[in-house]
Each structure stands twice: as structure tokens, then as C-alpha cells.
């Protein structure tokens, strides 16, 4: 399985490993996409392996602090997504209101 090969690459690594390095390290017979690497990492996390991601790639966390730091990075990213969703909701409401006004103006002209 891809997850097992990704885990093997991470276990042999001395520090962070980029998705491209993982792709190169595991793709012997098949083309492995960065998306499939991310999916494999998520599956390893589900299985209980402490794989964390950072700006430099992936690593197996060795300390509780590394896990806490990773969680904080994810939480900040989530907060950013929530803010973007709020902004989009405001834009959608504004567009709907403008559409309603245009529809009323068109109906009044007829």
C-alpha cells in the first residue's frame, strides 16, 4: 500500500521530507501524485502515526511539542478558512440583493 511506502520513507528520513521527495521515494512502478501523498499521510495519521506537515514537508513527530505546534498551524489555517467563508457569504448576500433590485427595476419598467 502507498501508506506503508510513505511511512517507510518518513522513517528513513533525517528531518523533513517534501512531497516531491516522497513521490520519488515511493513511485517505483506507478505515478504517485502529491494529492495521493497527502491522502496517504492522512491515512497514516488515522492509523495513529504522528505525521506532521510544515513548510519544509513532512516528518514523524518525535515530541509532544511538535504535535501541539502542528495542531496550532492547522487551527490558524482553519480560522483563516472560516473568515474567507464569512467574506464569501457577505459577497453572496450583496450579489443576491443587487440581483433582486435589478429584477424589481426590470419589472417596474414593463
Protein backbone atom coordinates (compact mmCIF):
# COMPACT_ATOMS: atom_id res chain seq x y z
CA UNK A 1 0.00 0.00 0.00
CA UNK A 2 1.07 3.56 -0.66
CA UNK A 3 0.70 4.46 3.02
CA UNK A 4 3.22 1.81 4.03
CA UNK A 5 5.73 3.05 1.47
CA UNK A 6 5.24 6.67 2.59
CA UNK A 7 5.76 5.60 6.19
CA UNK A 8 8.96 3.82 5.21
CA UNK A 9 10.30 6.98 3.54
CA UNK A 10 9.42 9.06 6.61
CA UNK A 11 11.03 6.57 8.98
CA UNK A 12 14.29 6.58 7.00
CA UNK A 13 14.40 10.37 6.66
CA UNK A 14 16.69 12.61 8.63
CA UNK A 15 14.37 15.57 9.02
CA UNK A 16 11.59 16.89 6.86
CA UNK A 17 10.74 15.22 3.55
CA UNK A 18 8.96 17.12 0.80
CA UNK A 19 6.01 15.66 -1.09
CA UNK A 20 8.24 15.51 -4.19
CA UNK A 21 10.86 13.51 -2.29
CA UNK A 22 8.16 11.15 -1.04
CA UNK A 23 6.83 10.80 -4.58
CA UNK A 24 10.30 9.93 -5.82
CA UNK A 25 10.93 7.56 -2.92
CA UNK A 26 7.74 5.55 -3.31
CA UNK A 27 6.98 5.60 -7.02
CA UNK A 28 8.75 2.56 -8.32
CA UNK A 29 6.09 1.20 -10.64
CA UNK A 30 3.38 3.83 -10.55
CA UNK A 31 2.90 7.56 -10.88
CA UNK A 32 2.19 8.95 -7.41
CA UNK A 33 0.62 12.41 -7.27
CA UNK A 34 1.11 14.96 -4.50
CA UNK A 35 -2.60 14.55 -3.76
CA UNK A 36 -2.13 10.82 -3.19
CA UNK A 37 0.81 11.57 -0.89
CA UNK A 38 -1.44 13.87 1.16
CA UNK A 39 -4.13 11.19 1.28
CA UNK A 40 -1.57 8.62 2.40
CA UNK A 41 -0.34 10.98 5.13
CA UNK A 42 -3.91 11.47 6.35
CA UNK A 43 -4.44 7.71 6.44
CA UNK A 44 -1.21 7.27 8.43
CA UNK A 45 -2.45 9.88 10.89
CA UNK A 46 -5.76 7.99 11.18
CA UNK A 47 -3.77 4.85 11.97
CA UNK A 48 -2.05 6.71 14.80
CA UNK A 49 1.28 7.67 13.24
CA UNK A 50 2.36 11.17 14.33
CA UNK A 51 2.98 12.57 10.86
CA UNK A 52 3.08 16.35 10.86
CA UNK A 53 3.40 18.77 7.98
CA UNK A 54 5.30 22.01 7.88
CA UNK A 55 6.69 24.48 5.39
CA UNK A 56 9.58 22.08 4.74
CA UNK A 57 7.46 18.97 4.15
CA UNK A 58 6.50 16.02 6.33
CA UNK A 59 8.14 14.45 9.35
CA UNK A 60 7.28 11.91 12.02
CA UNK A 61 6.90 13.98 15.18
CA UNK A 62 9.21 12.97 17.97
CA UNK A 63 7.89 15.26 20.68
CA UNK A 64 4.56 16.31 22.08
CA UNK A 65 5.51 19.92 21.31
CA UNK A 66 5.79 19.11 17.59
CA UNK A 67 2.25 17.73 17.69
CA UNK A 68 0.99 20.82 19.54
CA UNK A 69 2.71 23.13 17.03
CA UNK A 70 1.17 21.24 14.12
CA UNK A 71 -2.28 21.45 15.68
CA UNK A 72 -1.84 25.21 16.14
CA UNK A 73 -0.85 25.67 12.48
CA UNK A 74 -3.92 23.70 11.42
CA UNK A 75 -6.16 25.72 13.75
CA UNK A 76 -4.84 29.02 12.34
CA UNK A 77 -5.44 27.76 8.82
CA UNK A 78 -8.96 26.74 9.79
CA UNK A 79 -9.62 30.18 11.27
CA UNK A 80 -8.48 31.72 8.00
CA UNK A 81 -10.85 29.49 6.06
CA UNK A 82 -13.75 30.40 8.33
CA UNK A 83 -13.03 34.10 7.74
CA UNK A 84 -12.94 33.54 3.98
CA UNK A 85 -16.30 31.76 4.18
CA UNK A 86 -17.76 34.73 6.10
CA UNK A 87 -16.45 37.11 3.44
CA UNK A 88 -17.93 34.97 0.66
CA UNK A 89 -21.27 34.83 2.48
CA UNK A 90 -21.34 38.65 2.61
CA UNK A 91 -20.48 38.84 -1.09
CA UNK A 92 -23.22 36.36 -1.94
CA UNK A 93 -25.80 38.29 0.11
CA UNK A 94 -24.75 41.54 -1.57
CA UNK A 95 -24.97 39.96 -5.03
CA UNK A 96 -28.40 38.50 -4.23
CA UNK A 97 -29.64 41.90 -3.06
CA UNK A 98 -28.33 43.55 -6.22
CA UNK A 99 -29.98 40.85 -8.31
CA UNK A 100 -33.28 41.43 -6.52
CA UNK A 101 -33.03 45.19 -7.10
CA UNK A 102 -32.34 44.63 -10.81
CA UNK A 103 -35.31 42.27 -11.03
CA UNK A 104 -37.58 44.85 -9.38
CA UNK A 105 -36.33 47.60 -11.66
CA UNK A 106 -36.91 45.40 -14.71
CA UNK A 107 -40.42 44.51 -13.52
CA UNK A 108 -41.25 48.19 -12.95
CA UNK A 109 -40.16 49.12 -16.49
CA UNK A 110 -42.53 46.59 -18.02
